[in-house]
C-alpha atoms as a PDB file:
ATOM      1  CA  MET A   1     -27.334  16.993  -7.228  1.00  0.00           C
ATOM      2  CA  TYR A   2     -25.669  13.721  -6.243  1.00  0.00           C
ATOM      3  CA  ILE A   3     -23.363  13.750  -3.235  1.00  0.00           C
ATOM      4  CA  PRO A   4     -21.120  10.654  -3.184  1.00  0.00           C
ATOM      5  CA  ASP A   5     -21.198   8.550  -0.041  1.00  0.00           C
ATOM      6  CA  PRO A   6     -17.721   8.641   1.557  1.00  0.00           C
ATOM      7  CA  ILE A   7     -18.089   5.072   2.853  1.00  0.00           C
ATOM      8  CA  GLU A   8     -18.904   3.820  -0.649  1.00  0.00           C
ATOM      9  CA  GLN A   9     -15.922   5.737  -2.044  1.00  0.00           C
ATOM     10  CA  MET A  10     -13.624   4.207   0.577  1.00  0.00           C
ATOM     11  CA  GLU A  11     -14.951   0.709  -0.127  1.00  0.00           C
ATOM     12  CA  ALA A  12     -14.450   1.232  -3.870  1.00  0.00           C
ATOM     13  CA  ARG A  13     -10.830   2.341  -3.264  1.00  0.00           C
ATOM     14  CA  MET A  14     -10.261  -0.714  -1.041  1.00  0.00           C
ATOM     15  CA  ASP A  15     -11.657  -3.021  -3.738  1.00  0.00           C
ATOM     16  CA  ARG A  16      -9.474  -1.398  -6.407  1.00  0.00           C
ATOM     17  CA  LEU A  17      -6.343  -1.596  -4.233  1.00  0.00           C
ATOM     18  CA  ALA A  18      -7.052  -5.249  -3.351  1.00  0.00           C
ATOM     19  CA  HIS A  19      -7.418  -6.115  -7.030  1.00  0.00           C
ATOM     20  CA  GLU A  20      -4.221  -4.238  -7.959  1.00  0.00           C
ATOM     21  CA  TRP A  21      -2.397  -5.992  -5.092  1.00  0.00           C
ATOM     22  CA  ASP A  22      -3.568  -9.434  -6.210  1.00  0.00           C
ATOM     23  CA  VAL A  23      -2.449  -8.777  -9.781  1.00  0.00           C
ATOM     24  CA  ALA A  24       0.968  -7.516  -8.621  1.00  0.00           C
ATOM     25  CA  GLN A  25       1.573 -10.591  -6.412  1.00  0.00           C
ATOM     26  CA  ARG A  26       1.308 -13.179  -9.176  1.00  0.00           C
ATOM     27  CA  ASP A  27       4.444 -15.340  -9.434  1.00  0.00           C
ATOM     28  CA  VAL A  28       6.021 -13.805  -6.307  1.00  0.00           C
ATOM     29  CA  PRO A  29       7.812 -16.248  -3.966  1.00  0.00           C
ATOM     30  CA  GLN A  30       6.239 -17.038  -0.599  1.00  0.00           C
ATOM     31  CA  GLY A  31       7.344 -14.538   2.066  1.00  0.00           C
ATOM     32  CA  SER A  32       7.961 -11.735  -0.441  1.00  0.00           C
ATOM     33  CA  PHE A  33       5.839  -9.112  -2.135  1.00  0.00           C
ATOM     34  CA  ARG A  34       5.950  -7.092  -5.326  1.00  0.00           C
ATOM     35  CA  CYS A  35       5.447  -3.368  -4.800  1.00  0.00           C
ATOM     36  CA  PRO A  36       2.567  -2.284  -7.032  1.00  0.00           C
ATOM     37  CA  TYR A  37       4.287   1.057  -7.675  1.00  0.00           C
ATOM     38  CA  CYS A  38       7.886   0.145  -8.601  1.00  0.00           C
ATOM     39  CA  SER A  39       7.311  -3.574  -9.386  1.00  0.00           C
ATOM     40  CA  ASN A  40      10.368  -4.625  -7.375  1.00  0.00           C
ATOM     41  CA  VAL A  41      10.124  -7.767  -5.214  1.00  0.00           C
ATOM     42  CA  HIS A  42      11.022  -7.327  -1.530  1.00  0.00           C
ATOM     43  CA  SER A  43      11.451  -9.842   1.295  1.00  0.00           C
ATOM     44  CA  TYR A  44      10.090  -7.617   4.087  1.00  0.00           C
ATOM     45  CA  GLU A  45       6.518  -6.695   4.979  1.00  0.00           C
ATOM     46  CA  PRO A  46       4.805  -4.065   2.822  1.00  0.00           C
ATOM     47  CA  ILE A  47       4.247  -0.706   4.509  1.00  0.00           C
ATOM     48  CA  GLN A  48       0.787   0.844   4.746  1.00  0.00           C
ATOM     49  CA  SER A  49       1.014   4.452   3.600  1.00  0.00           C
ATOM     50  CA  GLY A  50      -1.617   5.784   5.976  1.00  0.00           C
ATOM     51  CA  PRO A  51      -3.880   4.957   8.887  1.00  0.00           C
ATOM     52  CA  GLY A  52      -7.026   4.409   6.825  1.00  0.00           C
ATOM     53  CA  PRO A  53      -8.114   1.007   5.562  1.00  0.00           C
ATOM     54  CA  ASP A  54      -8.124   2.430   2.036  1.00  0.00           C
ATOM     55  CA  SER A  55      -4.511   3.608   2.090  1.00  0.00           C
ATOM     56  CA  PRO A  56      -2.193   1.728  -0.274  1.00  0.00           C
ATOM     57  CA  ALA A  57       0.631  -0.549   0.823  1.00  0.00           C
ATOM     58  CA  MET A  58       4.028  -0.198  -0.831  1.00  0.00           C
ATOM     59  CA  CYS A  59       7.739  -0.735  -0.370  1.00  0.00           C
ATOM     60  CA  TYR A  60       9.934   1.566   1.688  1.00  0.00           C
ATOM     61  CA  ASP A  61      11.520   3.081  -1.427  1.00  0.00           C
ATOM     62  CA  CYS A  62       8.136   4.199  -2.798  1.00  0.00           C
ATOM     63  CA  LEU A  63       7.037   5.930   0.411  1.00  0.00           C
ATOM     64  CA  PRO A  64       6.962   9.729   0.183  1.00  0.00           C
ATOM     65  CA  ASP A  65       9.849  11.357   2.065  1.00  0.00           C
ATOM     66  CA  ASP A  66       7.665  12.560   4.958  1.00  0.00           C
ATOM     67  CA  LEU A  67       6.337   9.034   5.498  1.00  0.00           C
ATOM     68  CA  LYS A  68       9.848   7.570   5.290  1.00  0.00           C
ATOM     69  CA  LYS A  69      10.902   9.928   8.064  1.00  0.00           C
ATOM     70  CA  ALA A  70       7.890   8.983  10.222  1.00  0.00           C
ATOM     71  CA  TYR A  71       8.481   5.274   9.532  1.00  0.00           C
ATOM     72  CA  ASP A  72      12.158   5.546  10.466  1.00  0.00           C
ATOM     73  CA  GLU A  73      11.244   7.317  13.716  1.00  0.00           C
ATOM     74  CA  PHE A  74       8.623   4.659  14.478  1.00  0.00           C
ATOM     75  CA  GLU A  75      11.099   1.843  13.811  1.00  0.00           C
ATOM     76  CA  GLY A  76      13.819   3.602  15.850  1.00  0.00           C
ATOM     77  CA  LYS A  77      16.194   4.051  12.932  1.00  0.00           C
END
């Protein structure tokens, strides 16, 4: 029985997310980003959805509600 290596799985997710990010950022003005989930262009920094290096980055609107709440508390909103 094959047991997948968690490090290899994480690296594969990071590679996939990096590729998806690169594709989504084509034709986006400097200083902005296109959210890979909603495809809207935003002029603020993308938000990492978790502490791990393999967690996706997205816009504020695409964050799950619990992460929006934590982000707002972190930013002092």
